[in-house]
N, C-alpha and C. Protein backbone atom coordinates (compact mmCIF):
# COMPACT_ATOMS: atom_id res chain seq x y z
N LEU A 1 -9.18 -3.71 -10.95
CA LEU A 1 -8.02 -3.29 -11.71
C LEU A 1 -7.82 -1.77 -11.63
N PHE A 2 -8.93 -1.04 -11.77
CA PHE A 2 -8.86 0.42 -11.70
C PHE A 2 -8.30 0.86 -10.35
N GLN A 3 -8.79 0.24 -9.28
CA GLN A 3 -8.32 0.58 -7.93
C GLN A 3 -6.83 0.26 -7.79
N GLY A 4 -6.42 -0.89 -8.31
CA GLY A 4 -5.01 -1.28 -8.22
C GLY A 4 -4.09 -0.34 -8.97
N PHE A 5 -4.49 0.04 -10.19
CA PHE A 5 -3.68 0.98 -10.96
C PHE A 5 -3.64 2.35 -10.29
N SER A 6 -4.76 2.76 -9.70
CA SER A 6 -4.79 4.05 -9.02
C SER A 6 -3.84 4.05 -7.83
N ALA A 7 -3.93 3.01 -7.01
CA ALA A 7 -3.05 2.93 -5.83
C ALA A 7 -1.59 2.81 -6.26
N GLY A 8 -1.32 1.98 -7.27
CA GLY A 8 0.05 1.81 -7.75
C GLY A 8 0.61 3.09 -8.34
N GLY A 9 -0.22 3.84 -9.03
CA GLY A 9 0.22 5.09 -9.63
C GLY A 9 0.56 6.15 -8.59
N GLU A 10 -0.03 6.07 -7.44
CA GLU A 10 0.23 7.03 -6.37
C GLU A 10 1.42 6.62 -5.50
N PHE A 11 1.82 5.37 -5.56
CA PHE A 11 2.83 4.83 -4.65
C PHE A 11 4.14 5.60 -4.71
N GLY A 12 4.71 5.73 -5.90
CA GLY A 12 6.01 6.41 -6.03
C GLY A 12 5.95 7.88 -5.68
N GLY A 13 4.93 8.56 -6.18
CA GLY A 13 4.80 9.99 -5.90
C GLY A 13 4.59 10.28 -4.42
N THR A 14 3.75 9.48 -3.79
CA THR A 14 3.50 9.67 -2.36
C THR A 14 4.75 9.40 -1.55
N THR A 15 5.47 8.35 -1.91
CA THR A 15 6.70 8.01 -1.21
C THR A 15 7.72 9.14 -1.35
N SER A 16 7.87 9.65 -2.56
CA SER A 16 8.81 10.76 -2.79
C SER A 16 8.40 11.99 -2.01
N TYR A 17 7.12 12.29 -2.02
CA TYR A 17 6.60 13.47 -1.33
C TYR A 17 6.90 13.39 0.16
N LEU A 18 6.58 12.25 0.76
CA LEU A 18 6.85 12.08 2.20
C LEU A 18 8.35 12.14 2.49
N SER A 19 9.13 11.54 1.62
CA SER A 19 10.58 11.53 1.82
C SER A 19 11.16 12.94 1.75
N GLU A 20 10.70 13.73 0.79
CA GLU A 20 11.23 15.08 0.62
C GLU A 20 10.79 16.02 1.74
N TYR A 21 9.66 15.77 2.35
CA TYR A 21 9.20 16.63 3.44
C TYR A 21 9.68 16.16 4.82
N SER A 22 10.26 14.97 4.89
CA SER A 22 10.62 14.42 6.19
C SER A 22 11.93 15.01 6.72
N LEU A 23 12.09 14.90 8.02
CA LEU A 23 13.37 15.22 8.63
C LEU A 23 14.33 14.10 8.26
N ARG A 24 15.55 14.44 7.98
CA ARG A 24 16.52 13.44 7.49
C ARG A 24 16.65 12.24 8.43
N HIS A 25 16.69 12.49 9.73
CA HIS A 25 16.88 11.39 10.68
C HIS A 25 15.57 10.65 10.99
N ARG A 26 14.47 11.06 10.38
CA ARG A 26 13.17 10.39 10.59
C ARG A 26 12.53 9.97 9.27
N ARG A 27 13.31 9.91 8.22
CA ARG A 27 12.78 9.62 6.89
C ARG A 27 12.07 8.27 6.83
N GLY A 28 12.65 7.24 7.44
CA GLY A 28 12.02 5.92 7.43
C GLY A 28 10.66 5.94 8.09
N LEU A 29 10.56 6.63 9.21
CA LEU A 29 9.29 6.73 9.94
C LEU A 29 8.26 7.49 9.11
N TYR A 30 8.64 8.62 8.53
CA TYR A 30 7.69 9.41 7.74
C TYR A 30 7.17 8.59 6.55
N VAL A 31 8.09 7.99 5.81
CA VAL A 31 7.71 7.26 4.60
C VAL A 31 6.92 6.00 4.95
N SER A 32 7.16 5.42 6.12
CA SER A 32 6.45 4.20 6.51
C SER A 32 4.94 4.42 6.60
N TRP A 33 4.52 5.65 6.83
CA TRP A 33 3.08 5.92 6.93
C TRP A 33 2.38 5.71 5.60
N GLN A 34 3.12 5.81 4.50
CA GLN A 34 2.51 5.54 3.19
C GLN A 34 2.08 4.08 3.11
N MET A 35 2.98 3.17 3.46
CA MET A 35 2.67 1.74 3.42
C MET A 35 1.62 1.40 4.47
N SER A 36 1.76 1.98 5.64
CA SER A 36 0.80 1.72 6.71
C SER A 36 -0.60 2.14 6.29
N SER A 37 -0.71 3.28 5.62
CA SER A 37 -2.04 3.74 5.20
C SER A 37 -2.64 2.82 4.16
N GLN A 38 -1.81 2.21 3.30
CA GLN A 38 -2.34 1.23 2.35
C GLN A 38 -2.90 0.02 3.09
N PHE A 39 -2.19 -0.43 4.11
CA PHE A 39 -2.70 -1.56 4.89
C PHE A 39 -3.95 -1.19 5.67
N MET A 40 -4.04 0.07 6.12
CA MET A 40 -5.25 0.51 6.81
C MET A 40 -6.44 0.49 5.85
N ALA A 41 -6.21 0.84 4.61
CA ALA A 41 -7.28 0.76 3.60
C ALA A 41 -7.71 -0.69 3.39
N SER A 42 -6.73 -1.58 3.36
CA SER A 42 -7.04 -3.01 3.24
C SER A 42 -7.78 -3.51 4.47
N LEU A 43 -7.39 -3.01 5.63
CA LEU A 43 -8.08 -3.35 6.88
C LEU A 43 -9.55 -2.92 6.80
N LEU A 44 -9.78 -1.69 6.38
CA LEU A 44 -11.14 -1.19 6.26
C LEU A 44 -11.94 -2.02 5.26
N GLY A 45 -11.32 -2.35 4.14
CA GLY A 45 -11.98 -3.19 3.14
C GLY A 45 -12.31 -4.56 3.69
N GLY A 46 -11.40 -5.15 4.43
CA GLY A 46 -11.64 -6.47 5.03
C GLY A 46 -12.76 -6.44 6.05
N VAL A 47 -12.80 -5.38 6.86
CA VAL A 47 -13.86 -5.26 7.87
C VAL A 47 -15.22 -5.10 7.19
N VAL A 48 -15.30 -4.23 6.20
CA VAL A 48 -16.57 -4.02 5.49
C VAL A 48 -17.01 -5.32 4.81
N ALA A 49 -16.09 -6.00 4.13
CA ALA A 49 -16.44 -7.25 3.46
C ALA A 49 -16.85 -8.33 4.46
N ALA A 50 -16.17 -8.39 5.61
CA ALA A 50 -16.54 -9.38 6.63
C ALA A 50 -17.94 -9.10 7.16
N LEU A 51 -18.24 -7.83 7.41
CA LEU A 51 -19.58 -7.47 7.90
C LEU A 51 -20.66 -7.78 6.87
N VAL A 52 -20.41 -7.42 5.62
CA VAL A 52 -21.40 -7.66 4.57
C VAL A 52 -21.65 -9.15 4.39
N THR A 53 -20.58 -9.94 4.33
CA THR A 53 -20.76 -11.39 4.12
C THR A 53 -21.32 -12.09 5.34
N ALA A 54 -21.09 -11.55 6.53
CA ALA A 54 -21.62 -12.17 7.75
C ALA A 54 -23.11 -11.88 7.92
N HIS A 55 -23.58 -10.75 7.41
CA HIS A 55 -24.95 -10.32 7.69
C HIS A 55 -25.92 -10.42 6.51
N LEU A 56 -25.43 -10.79 5.34
CA LEU A 56 -26.32 -10.94 4.19
C LEU A 56 -26.33 -12.38 3.71
N SER A 57 -27.45 -12.81 3.20
CA SER A 57 -27.56 -14.17 2.64
C SER A 57 -26.80 -14.21 1.31
N GLN A 58 -26.57 -15.40 0.81
CA GLN A 58 -25.88 -15.55 -0.47
C GLN A 58 -26.66 -14.88 -1.60
N ASP A 59 -27.99 -15.00 -1.55
CA ASP A 59 -28.82 -14.36 -2.58
C ASP A 59 -28.70 -12.84 -2.51
N ALA A 60 -28.72 -12.29 -1.30
CA ALA A 60 -28.59 -10.84 -1.13
C ALA A 60 -27.21 -10.37 -1.58
N LEU A 61 -26.18 -11.16 -1.28
CA LEU A 61 -24.83 -10.81 -1.72
C LEU A 61 -24.75 -10.79 -3.24
N ALA A 62 -25.34 -11.79 -3.87
CA ALA A 62 -25.27 -11.90 -5.32
C ALA A 62 -26.06 -10.80 -6.02
N SER A 63 -27.19 -10.38 -5.44
CA SER A 63 -28.01 -9.40 -6.12
C SER A 63 -27.56 -7.95 -5.87
N TYR A 64 -27.25 -7.60 -4.64
CA TYR A 64 -26.88 -6.21 -4.37
C TYR A 64 -25.73 -6.05 -3.37
N GLY A 65 -25.52 -7.04 -2.51
CA GLY A 65 -24.57 -6.90 -1.42
C GLY A 65 -23.13 -6.65 -1.84
N TRP A 66 -22.73 -7.20 -2.98
CA TRP A 66 -21.36 -7.02 -3.43
C TRP A 66 -21.07 -5.56 -3.79
N ARG A 67 -22.13 -4.77 -4.00
CA ARG A 67 -21.96 -3.36 -4.36
C ARG A 67 -21.67 -2.48 -3.14
N ILE A 68 -22.04 -2.93 -1.96
CA ILE A 68 -21.92 -2.11 -0.75
C ILE A 68 -20.47 -1.67 -0.50
N PRO A 69 -19.49 -2.60 -0.51
CA PRO A 69 -18.10 -2.14 -0.28
C PRO A 69 -17.62 -1.13 -1.33
N PHE A 70 -18.06 -1.32 -2.58
CA PHE A 70 -17.66 -0.37 -3.63
C PHE A 70 -18.30 0.99 -3.41
N ALA A 71 -19.55 1.01 -2.98
CA ALA A 71 -20.23 2.29 -2.70
C ALA A 71 -19.53 3.02 -1.56
N ILE A 72 -19.14 2.30 -0.53
CA ILE A 72 -18.41 2.92 0.58
C ILE A 72 -17.06 3.43 0.10
N GLY A 73 -16.41 2.64 -0.76
CA GLY A 73 -15.12 3.05 -1.30
C GLY A 73 -15.19 4.31 -2.14
N LEU A 74 -16.33 4.57 -2.78
CA LEU A 74 -16.49 5.78 -3.58
C LEU A 74 -16.44 7.04 -2.73
N LEU A 75 -16.75 6.91 -1.46
CA LEU A 75 -16.76 8.07 -0.58
C LEU A 75 -15.38 8.68 -0.38
N ILE A 76 -14.33 7.87 -0.52
CA ILE A 76 -12.98 8.37 -0.28
C ILE A 76 -12.45 9.17 -1.47
N GLY A 77 -13.04 8.97 -2.67
CA GLY A 77 -12.59 9.67 -3.87
C GLY A 77 -12.57 11.18 -3.72
N PRO A 78 -13.68 11.80 -3.31
CA PRO A 78 -13.67 13.25 -3.14
C PRO A 78 -12.65 13.74 -2.10
N VAL A 79 -12.43 12.95 -1.06
CA VAL A 79 -11.44 13.33 -0.04
C VAL A 79 -10.05 13.35 -0.66
N GLY A 80 -9.73 12.31 -1.41
CA GLY A 80 -8.43 12.26 -2.08
C GLY A 80 -8.26 13.39 -3.08
N PHE A 81 -9.32 13.68 -3.82
CA PHE A 81 -9.28 14.78 -4.79
C PHE A 81 -9.04 16.11 -4.07
N TYR A 82 -9.72 16.33 -2.98
CA TYR A 82 -9.58 17.57 -2.21
C TYR A 82 -8.14 17.72 -1.70
N ILE A 83 -7.61 16.66 -1.11
CA ILE A 83 -6.24 16.71 -0.59
C ILE A 83 -5.26 16.96 -1.72
N ARG A 84 -5.41 16.22 -2.81
CA ARG A 84 -4.49 16.31 -3.94
C ARG A 84 -4.45 17.73 -4.52
N ARG A 85 -5.59 18.38 -4.59
CA ARG A 85 -5.66 19.73 -5.17
C ARG A 85 -4.98 20.76 -4.28
N ARG A 86 -4.80 20.47 -3.01
CA ARG A 86 -4.26 21.46 -2.09
C ARG A 86 -2.79 21.22 -1.73
N LEU A 87 -2.22 20.14 -2.22
CA LEU A 87 -0.81 19.88 -1.95
C LEU A 87 0.07 20.78 -2.79
N GLU A 88 1.09 21.32 -2.17
CA GLU A 88 2.06 22.13 -2.89
C GLU A 88 3.28 21.28 -3.20
N ASP A 89 4.02 21.67 -4.21
CA ASP A 89 5.27 20.97 -4.50
C ASP A 89 6.20 21.10 -3.31
N THR A 90 7.05 20.09 -3.12
CA THR A 90 7.98 20.12 -2.00
C THR A 90 9.07 21.16 -2.27
N PRO A 91 9.70 21.66 -1.22
CA PRO A 91 10.80 22.62 -1.42
C PRO A 91 11.92 22.03 -2.29
N ALA A 92 12.20 20.74 -2.14
CA ALA A 92 13.25 20.11 -2.95
C ALA A 92 12.88 20.15 -4.43
N PHE A 93 11.62 19.93 -4.75
CA PHE A 93 11.19 19.98 -6.14
C PHE A 93 11.23 21.41 -6.67
N ARG A 94 10.78 22.36 -5.87
CA ARG A 94 10.78 23.77 -6.29
C ARG A 94 12.19 24.30 -6.47
N ALA A 95 13.16 23.74 -5.75
CA ALA A 95 14.54 24.22 -5.82
C ALA A 95 15.25 23.79 -7.10
N GLN A 96 14.67 22.85 -7.82
CA GLN A 96 15.29 22.42 -9.07
C GLN A 96 15.30 23.58 -10.05
N THR A 97 16.46 23.80 -10.63
CA THR A 97 16.56 24.92 -11.58
C THR A 97 16.17 24.48 -12.98
N LYS A 98 16.37 23.21 -13.28
CA LYS A 98 16.09 22.75 -14.64
C LYS A 98 15.48 21.36 -14.54
N LEU A 99 14.40 21.15 -15.26
CA LEU A 99 13.78 19.83 -15.33
C LEU A 99 14.32 19.11 -16.56
N ALA A 100 14.50 17.82 -16.42
CA ALA A 100 15.03 17.02 -17.53
C ALA A 100 14.03 17.00 -18.68
N GLU A 101 14.56 16.96 -19.91
CA GLU A 101 13.68 16.84 -21.08
C GLU A 101 13.05 15.46 -21.13
N SER A 102 13.79 14.48 -20.74
CA SER A 102 13.29 13.10 -20.72
C SER A 102 13.60 12.51 -19.34
N PRO A 103 12.74 12.78 -18.35
CA PRO A 103 13.04 12.34 -16.98
C PRO A 103 13.23 10.82 -16.86
N LEU A 104 12.39 10.04 -17.53
CA LEU A 104 12.51 8.59 -17.44
C LEU A 104 13.82 8.11 -18.06
N GLY A 105 14.13 8.60 -19.25
CA GLY A 105 15.36 8.20 -19.92
C GLY A 105 16.59 8.58 -19.12
N GLU A 106 16.59 9.80 -18.58
CA GLU A 106 17.72 10.27 -17.79
C GLU A 106 17.87 9.45 -16.50
N THR A 107 16.76 9.16 -15.88
CA THR A 107 16.80 8.36 -14.64
C THR A 107 17.35 6.97 -14.92
N LEU A 108 16.87 6.34 -15.98
CA LEU A 108 17.36 4.99 -16.30
C LEU A 108 18.83 5.00 -16.70
N ARG A 109 19.27 6.03 -17.40
CA ARG A 109 20.68 6.12 -17.80
C ARG A 109 21.60 6.31 -16.60
N HIS A 110 21.22 7.17 -15.68
CA HIS A 110 22.12 7.53 -14.59
C HIS A 110 21.88 6.76 -13.29
N HIS A 111 20.73 6.14 -13.15
CA HIS A 111 20.39 5.49 -11.87
C HIS A 111 19.76 4.12 -12.08
N PHE A 112 20.18 3.39 -13.12
CA PHE A 112 19.54 2.13 -13.46
C PHE A 112 19.57 1.13 -12.30
N LYS A 113 20.70 1.02 -11.63
CA LYS A 113 20.83 0.04 -10.54
C LYS A 113 19.85 0.35 -9.41
N VAL A 114 19.73 1.61 -9.05
CA VAL A 114 18.80 2.01 -7.98
C VAL A 114 17.36 1.74 -8.41
N VAL A 115 17.03 2.06 -9.66
CA VAL A 115 15.67 1.82 -10.17
C VAL A 115 15.38 0.32 -10.18
N ALA A 116 16.34 -0.49 -10.62
CA ALA A 116 16.14 -1.94 -10.66
C ALA A 116 15.95 -2.51 -9.25
N CYS A 117 16.73 -2.04 -8.29
CA CYS A 117 16.57 -2.50 -6.90
C CYS A 117 15.21 -2.08 -6.35
N GLY A 118 14.81 -0.85 -6.60
CA GLY A 118 13.51 -0.37 -6.15
C GLY A 118 12.37 -1.17 -6.78
N PHE A 119 12.49 -1.43 -8.07
CA PHE A 119 11.49 -2.23 -8.77
C PHE A 119 11.38 -3.62 -8.16
N GLY A 120 12.53 -4.23 -7.91
CA GLY A 120 12.54 -5.57 -7.31
C GLY A 120 11.90 -5.59 -5.93
N MET A 121 12.20 -4.58 -5.12
CA MET A 121 11.62 -4.52 -3.77
C MET A 121 10.11 -4.35 -3.83
N VAL A 122 9.64 -3.50 -4.74
CA VAL A 122 8.20 -3.28 -4.85
C VAL A 122 7.50 -4.54 -5.37
N VAL A 123 8.09 -5.21 -6.34
CA VAL A 123 7.51 -6.45 -6.86
C VAL A 123 7.46 -7.51 -5.78
N LEU A 124 8.54 -7.67 -5.04
CA LEU A 124 8.59 -8.67 -3.97
C LEU A 124 7.54 -8.37 -2.90
N GLY A 125 7.49 -7.15 -2.45
CA GLY A 125 6.52 -6.77 -1.42
C GLY A 125 5.09 -6.91 -1.91
N THR A 126 4.83 -6.46 -3.13
CA THR A 126 3.47 -6.53 -3.68
C THR A 126 3.03 -7.97 -3.85
N ALA A 127 3.91 -8.81 -4.39
CA ALA A 127 3.56 -10.23 -4.57
C ALA A 127 3.24 -10.88 -3.23
N CYS A 128 4.04 -10.59 -2.22
CA CYS A 128 3.79 -11.18 -0.90
C CYS A 128 2.48 -10.70 -0.30
N VAL A 129 2.20 -9.42 -0.44
CA VAL A 129 0.94 -8.89 0.10
C VAL A 129 -0.25 -9.54 -0.61
N TYR A 130 -0.19 -9.61 -1.92
CA TYR A 130 -1.31 -10.19 -2.65
C TYR A 130 -1.50 -11.66 -2.30
N VAL A 131 -0.41 -12.40 -2.17
CA VAL A 131 -0.53 -13.82 -1.85
C VAL A 131 -0.95 -14.02 -0.40
N LEU A 132 -0.24 -13.43 0.54
CA LEU A 132 -0.48 -13.69 1.95
C LEU A 132 -1.73 -13.01 2.51
N VAL A 133 -1.94 -11.76 2.15
CA VAL A 133 -3.03 -11.00 2.75
C VAL A 133 -4.33 -11.13 1.96
N LEU A 134 -4.24 -11.16 0.64
CA LEU A 134 -5.46 -11.13 -0.18
C LEU A 134 -5.86 -12.49 -0.74
N PHE A 135 -4.91 -13.31 -1.21
CA PHE A 135 -5.25 -14.57 -1.83
C PHE A 135 -5.51 -15.69 -0.83
N LEU A 136 -4.60 -15.88 0.12
CA LEU A 136 -4.71 -17.04 1.02
C LEU A 136 -6.00 -17.11 1.83
N PRO A 137 -6.51 -16.01 2.38
CA PRO A 137 -7.78 -16.14 3.10
C PRO A 137 -8.93 -16.63 2.20
N GLY A 138 -9.01 -16.14 0.98
CA GLY A 138 -10.04 -16.62 0.04
C GLY A 138 -9.82 -18.07 -0.33
N TYR A 139 -8.56 -18.44 -0.51
CA TYR A 139 -8.22 -19.83 -0.81
C TYR A 139 -8.65 -20.74 0.34
N ALA A 140 -8.38 -20.30 1.56
CA ALA A 140 -8.79 -21.09 2.74
C ALA A 140 -10.31 -21.21 2.80
N SER A 141 -11.00 -20.17 2.40
CA SER A 141 -12.46 -20.21 2.39
C SER A 141 -12.97 -21.24 1.40
N ARG A 142 -12.39 -21.25 0.20
CA ARG A 142 -12.83 -22.19 -0.83
C ARG A 142 -12.38 -23.62 -0.56
N GLN A 143 -11.12 -23.79 -0.18
CA GLN A 143 -10.57 -25.15 -0.04
C GLN A 143 -10.90 -25.81 1.29
N PHE A 144 -10.98 -25.03 2.35
CA PHE A 144 -11.17 -25.61 3.68
C PHE A 144 -12.53 -25.22 4.28
N HIS A 145 -13.37 -24.62 3.41
CA HIS A 145 -14.75 -24.28 3.79
C HIS A 145 -14.83 -23.36 5.00
N LEU A 146 -13.85 -22.49 5.11
CA LEU A 146 -13.86 -21.43 6.12
C LEU A 146 -14.95 -20.44 5.71
N PRO A 147 -15.78 -19.98 6.63
CA PRO A 147 -16.81 -19.01 6.23
C PRO A 147 -16.16 -17.78 5.57
N GLN A 148 -16.83 -17.28 4.55
CA GLN A 148 -16.31 -16.14 3.81
C GLN A 148 -16.05 -14.94 4.72
N SER A 149 -16.93 -14.73 5.68
CA SER A 149 -16.75 -13.60 6.60
C SER A 149 -15.48 -13.79 7.43
N ALA A 150 -15.15 -15.04 7.77
CA ALA A 150 -13.92 -15.31 8.53
C ALA A 150 -12.69 -15.02 7.67
N ALA A 151 -12.76 -15.37 6.38
CA ALA A 151 -11.63 -15.08 5.48
C ALA A 151 -11.39 -13.58 5.38
N PHE A 152 -12.46 -12.81 5.27
CA PHE A 152 -12.30 -11.35 5.22
C PHE A 152 -11.80 -10.80 6.55
N ALA A 153 -12.23 -11.39 7.64
CA ALA A 153 -11.75 -10.96 8.96
C ALA A 153 -10.25 -11.23 9.09
N ILE A 154 -9.79 -12.35 8.53
CA ILE A 154 -8.35 -12.67 8.54
C ILE A 154 -7.59 -11.62 7.73
N THR A 155 -8.13 -11.24 6.57
CA THR A 155 -7.51 -10.20 5.76
C THR A 155 -7.41 -8.90 6.56
N ALA A 156 -8.48 -8.56 7.26
CA ALA A 156 -8.48 -7.34 8.08
C ALA A 156 -7.43 -7.42 9.18
N TYR A 157 -7.37 -8.56 9.85
CA TYR A 157 -6.39 -8.73 10.94
C TYR A 157 -4.96 -8.64 10.40
N MET A 158 -4.68 -9.34 9.31
CA MET A 158 -3.33 -9.31 8.75
C MET A 158 -2.97 -7.90 8.28
N SER A 159 -3.95 -7.17 7.78
CA SER A 159 -3.71 -5.78 7.36
C SER A 159 -3.38 -4.89 8.55
N LEU A 160 -4.08 -5.11 9.66
CA LEU A 160 -3.80 -4.34 10.88
C LEU A 160 -2.38 -4.61 11.36
N VAL A 161 -1.99 -5.88 11.40
CA VAL A 161 -0.64 -6.24 11.82
C VAL A 161 0.39 -5.60 10.90
N ALA A 162 0.15 -5.68 9.59
CA ALA A 162 1.10 -5.09 8.63
C ALA A 162 1.16 -3.57 8.76
N ALA A 163 0.02 -2.92 9.02
CA ALA A 163 -0.01 -1.46 9.18
C ALA A 163 0.85 -1.04 10.37
N VAL A 164 0.71 -1.75 11.47
CA VAL A 164 1.48 -1.43 12.68
C VAL A 164 2.97 -1.71 12.44
N TRP A 165 3.28 -2.88 11.87
CA TRP A 165 4.68 -3.24 11.67
C TRP A 165 5.36 -2.38 10.61
N SER A 166 4.61 -1.83 9.67
CA SER A 166 5.21 -0.92 8.68
C SER A 166 5.81 0.29 9.39
N VAL A 167 5.07 0.85 10.32
CA VAL A 167 5.56 2.02 11.05
C VAL A 167 6.73 1.64 11.96
N ILE A 168 6.63 0.50 12.61
CA ILE A 168 7.74 0.04 13.47
C ILE A 168 9.00 -0.17 12.62
N ALA A 169 8.84 -0.79 11.45
CA ALA A 169 9.99 -1.02 10.57
C ALA A 169 10.58 0.29 10.08
N GLY A 170 9.74 1.27 9.79
CA GLY A 170 10.24 2.59 9.39
C GLY A 170 11.05 3.24 10.50
N TRP A 171 10.56 3.12 11.72
CA TRP A 171 11.27 3.66 12.88
C TRP A 171 12.61 2.95 13.07
N ILE A 172 12.61 1.62 12.96
CA ILE A 172 13.84 0.85 13.11
C ILE A 172 14.84 1.23 12.01
N SER A 173 14.33 1.45 10.79
CA SER A 173 15.25 1.78 9.68
C SER A 173 15.98 3.10 9.92
N ASP A 174 15.37 3.99 10.68
CA ASP A 174 16.05 5.24 11.03
C ASP A 174 17.18 5.01 12.02
N ARG A 175 17.14 3.91 12.73
CA ARG A 175 18.17 3.62 13.73
C ARG A 175 19.28 2.71 13.20
N VAL A 176 18.92 1.68 12.43
CA VAL A 176 19.94 0.72 11.98
C VAL A 176 20.31 0.91 10.51
N GLY A 177 19.56 1.72 9.80
CA GLY A 177 19.81 1.92 8.37
C GLY A 177 18.82 1.11 7.54
N ARG A 178 18.58 1.59 6.35
CA ARG A 178 17.60 0.92 5.50
C ARG A 178 18.14 -0.32 4.82
N ARG A 179 19.37 -0.28 4.43
CA ARG A 179 19.95 -1.41 3.68
C ARG A 179 19.90 -2.71 4.48
N PRO A 180 20.38 -2.76 5.73
CA PRO A 180 20.32 -4.04 6.45
C PRO A 180 18.88 -4.51 6.68
N LEU A 181 18.00 -3.58 6.98
CA LEU A 181 16.61 -3.95 7.24
C LEU A 181 15.95 -4.48 5.96
N LEU A 182 16.18 -3.80 4.83
CA LEU A 182 15.61 -4.26 3.57
C LEU A 182 16.19 -5.61 3.14
N LEU A 183 17.46 -5.82 3.38
CA LEU A 183 18.09 -7.09 3.03
C LEU A 183 17.49 -8.23 3.84
N ILE A 184 17.36 -8.03 5.14
CA ILE A 184 16.78 -9.06 6.01
C ILE A 184 15.33 -9.32 5.62
N ALA A 185 14.57 -8.27 5.42
CA ALA A 185 13.15 -8.42 5.05
C ALA A 185 13.00 -9.12 3.70
N SER A 186 13.82 -8.76 2.72
CA SER A 186 13.73 -9.38 1.39
C SER A 186 14.08 -10.87 1.45
N ILE A 187 15.12 -11.20 2.18
CA ILE A 187 15.49 -12.63 2.33
C ILE A 187 14.36 -13.37 3.03
N GLY A 188 13.78 -12.76 4.07
CA GLY A 188 12.67 -13.39 4.78
C GLY A 188 11.46 -13.60 3.88
N LEU A 189 11.14 -12.62 3.03
CA LEU A 189 9.99 -12.75 2.14
C LEU A 189 10.21 -13.82 1.08
N VAL A 190 11.45 -13.89 0.56
CA VAL A 190 11.74 -14.93 -0.45
C VAL A 190 11.60 -16.30 0.21
């Protein structure tokens, strides 16, 4: 839960940061790296979990093996902290002459439709990722007796495919526009 809230809390800020620093005609490509990097993290997690479950007995997994992926994951914390401390505000943010007294209230009052559409897209995408990439491989392991290491390998493979296609979709969105691409993708996901 802590990891999920941390990643979710960074999603909007990271997306805005990349968008504000990007070249206008390459915005989709720049911002796509945010989603791609999340899938790369899932890929790394799937590979580590596949290796741990393939090479440790059930007893070893139960006693200490489940801690190995978390210990490896702790290593990225200081890197993120270091990067975060050195980022400067974007020129677009610095150019603001006045900050709103109630940014959330003002945003909802003046941009409710855009916020609702963004919320819907994030919910749709997140639900699909959790079901297809994270839940189904484990379900296949339990219901169809697929080895646990194979289920994690599937998660890693699907994450790799999603990481690559995120960047391709970002590049395509710069050419055909975001609205048609998002509409097609949303209909496909539903």
